[in-house]
C-alpha atoms as a PDB file:
ATOM      1  CA  MET A   1     -13.380  18.164  36.578  1.00  0.00           C
ATOM      2  CA  SER A   2      -9.502  18.041  36.806  1.00  0.00           C
ATOM      3  CA  LEU A   3      -8.058  17.242  33.081  1.00  0.00           C
ATOM      4  CA  VAL A   4      -6.779  13.912  34.736  1.00  0.00           C
ATOM      5  CA  GLU A   5     -10.224  13.352  34.892  1.00  0.00           C
ATOM      6  CA  VAL A   6     -12.038  14.492  31.432  1.00  0.00           C
ATOM      7  CA  VAL A   7      -8.511  12.772  29.893  1.00  0.00           C
ATOM      8  CA  ARG A   8     -10.009   9.509  31.695  1.00  0.00           C
ATOM      9  CA  GLU A   9     -13.370   9.768  29.829  1.00  0.00           C
ATOM     10  CA  LYS A  10     -12.261   9.644  26.784  1.00  0.00           C
ATOM     11  CA  GLN A  11     -13.233   6.043  24.381  1.00  0.00           C
ATOM     12  CA  GLU A  12     -11.409   7.130  21.837  1.00  0.00           C
ATOM     13  CA  ALA A  13      -8.043   7.983  20.933  1.00  0.00           C
ATOM     14  CA  LEU A  14      -6.808  11.801  21.342  1.00  0.00           C
ATOM     15  CA  ARG A  15      -5.694  13.432  18.242  1.00  0.00           C
ATOM     16  CA  ALA A  16      -2.484  15.694  18.725  1.00  0.00           C
ATOM     17  CA  GLN A  17      -4.540  18.956  19.089  1.00  0.00           C
ATOM     18  CA  ASP A  18      -7.131  17.383  21.236  1.00  0.00           C
ATOM     19  CA  LEU A  19      -5.057  16.849  24.207  1.00  0.00           C
ATOM     20  CA  ALA A  20      -3.254  20.148  22.311  1.00  0.00           C
ATOM     21  CA  GLN A  21      -6.358  22.289  23.176  1.00  0.00           C
ATOM     22  CA  LEU A  22      -6.615  20.358  26.601  1.00  0.00           C
ATOM     23  CA  LEU A  23      -3.038  21.118  27.620  1.00  0.00           C
ATOM     24  CA  GLY A  24      -2.976  24.652  26.438  1.00  0.00           C
ATOM     25  CA  VAL A  25      -0.037  23.736  24.270  1.00  0.00           C
ATOM     26  CA  SER A  26       0.489  23.707  20.166  1.00  0.00           C
ATOM     27  CA  PRO A  27       0.062  20.836  19.015  1.00  0.00           C
ATOM     28  CA  GLN A  28       2.989  20.860  16.992  1.00  0.00           C
ATOM     29  CA  GLN A  29       4.469  20.663  20.918  1.00  0.00           C
ATOM     30  CA  ILE A  30       3.026  17.850  21.666  1.00  0.00           C
ATOM     31  CA  TYR A  31       3.906  15.799  17.849  1.00  0.00           C
ATOM     32  CA  LYS A  32       7.492  17.066  19.529  1.00  0.00           C
ATOM     33  CA  MET A  33       6.894  15.570  23.070  1.00  0.00           C
ATOM     34  CA  ALA A  34       5.301  12.348  21.495  1.00  0.00           C
ATOM     35  CA  ALA A  35       9.172  11.939  18.449  1.00  0.00           C
ATOM     36  CA  LYS A  36      10.810  11.502  22.108  1.00  0.00           C
ATOM     37  CA  GLY A  37       8.664   9.579  24.252  1.00  0.00           C
ATOM     38  CA  GLU A  38       8.066  12.617  26.509  1.00  0.00           C
ATOM     39  CA  ILE A  39       4.209  11.196  25.977  1.00  0.00           C
ATOM     40  CA  PRO A  40       2.630   7.768  25.543  1.00  0.00           C
ATOM     41  CA  SER A  41       1.438   7.634  21.915  1.00  0.00           C
ATOM     42  CA  PHE A  42       1.384   4.762  19.835  1.00  0.00           C
ATOM     43  CA  LYS A  43       0.962   5.946  15.639  1.00  0.00           C
ATOM     44  CA  VAL A  44      -1.930   4.200  12.938  1.00  0.00           C
ATOM     45  CA  ALA A  45      -0.451   4.453   9.539  1.00  0.00           C
ATOM     46  CA  ASN A  46       1.444   7.794  10.005  1.00  0.00           C
ATOM     47  CA  ALA A  47      -1.337   8.908  12.217  1.00  0.00           C
ATOM     48  CA  VAL A  48      -0.090   9.395  16.007  1.00  0.00           C
ATOM     49  CA  ARG A  49      -2.250   8.935  18.345  1.00  0.00           C
ATOM     50  CA  PHE A  50      -2.273   9.077  22.267  1.00  0.00           C
ATOM     51  CA  ASP A  51      -4.704   6.839  25.344  1.00  0.00           C
ATOM     52  CA  PRO A  52      -6.890   8.769  27.210  1.00  0.00           C
ATOM     53  CA  HIS A  53      -6.085   5.675  30.017  1.00  0.00           C
ATOM     54  CA  GLU A  54      -1.890   5.853  29.245  1.00  0.00           C
ATOM     55  CA  THR A  55      -1.961   9.745  28.504  1.00  0.00           C
ATOM     56  CA  ALA A  56      -4.074  10.153  32.358  1.00  0.00           C
ATOM     57  CA  GLU A  57      -1.578   7.653  34.943  1.00  0.00           C
ATOM     58  CA  TRP A  58       1.386  10.524  32.231  1.00  0.00           C
ATOM     59  CA  LEU A  59      -0.482  13.390  33.801  1.00  0.00           C
ATOM     60  CA  LYS A  60      -0.695  12.421  37.971  1.00  0.00           C
ATOM     61  CA  GLU A  61       2.873  11.365  37.359  1.00  0.00           C
ATOM     62  CA  LYS A  62       3.937  14.161  35.963  1.00  0.00           C
ATOM     63  CA  TYR A  63       1.523  16.592  38.709  1.00  0.00           C
ATOM     64  CA  PRO A  64       1.457  14.372  41.387  1.00  0.00           C
ATOM     65  CA  VAL A  65       1.608  16.651  43.862  1.00  0.00           C
ATOM     66  CA  ARG A  66      -1.588  18.921  42.714  1.00  0.00           C
ATOM     67  CA  SER A  67      -4.607  18.329  40.856  1.00  0.00           C
ATOM     68  CA  VAL A  68      -4.163  19.754  37.014  1.00  0.00           C
ATOM     69  CA  GLU A  69      -6.636  21.665  36.548  1.00  0.00           C
ATOM     70  CA  LEU A  70      -8.742  21.848  33.657  1.00  0.00           C
ATOM     71  CA  ARG A  71      -8.108  25.484  31.872  1.00  0.00           C
ATOM     72  CA  PHE A  72     -10.129  25.243  29.451  1.00  0.00           C
ATOM     73  CA  PRO A  73     -13.982  24.996  30.182  1.00  0.00           C
ATOM     74  CA  MET A  74     -16.023  22.053  27.942  1.00  0.00           C
ATOM     75  CA  ALA A  75     -18.677  21.853  25.164  1.00  0.00           C
ATOM     76  CA  LYS A  76     -21.760  20.823  26.161  1.00  0.00           C
ATOM     77  CA  ARG A  77     -22.535  17.289  24.537  1.00  0.00           C
ATOM     78  CA  ALA A  78     -26.820  17.074  24.016  1.00  0.00           C
END
């Protein structure tokens, strides 16, 4: 399953920690990217959140030639 597909399947807004884990970077890097407008984000009070569908589209635009494969195994849900 590609990273775009994993992100698109999410039903709730992603936290910086969630997105950082999926992308294999630090949460601080995600916050910096959001602050610079490099990745689509929105604020709820003082919290930065990421719409999974907008994030999936951003990934497709950023990496159009190759598919972005998931780097970490997903935990199985019961």
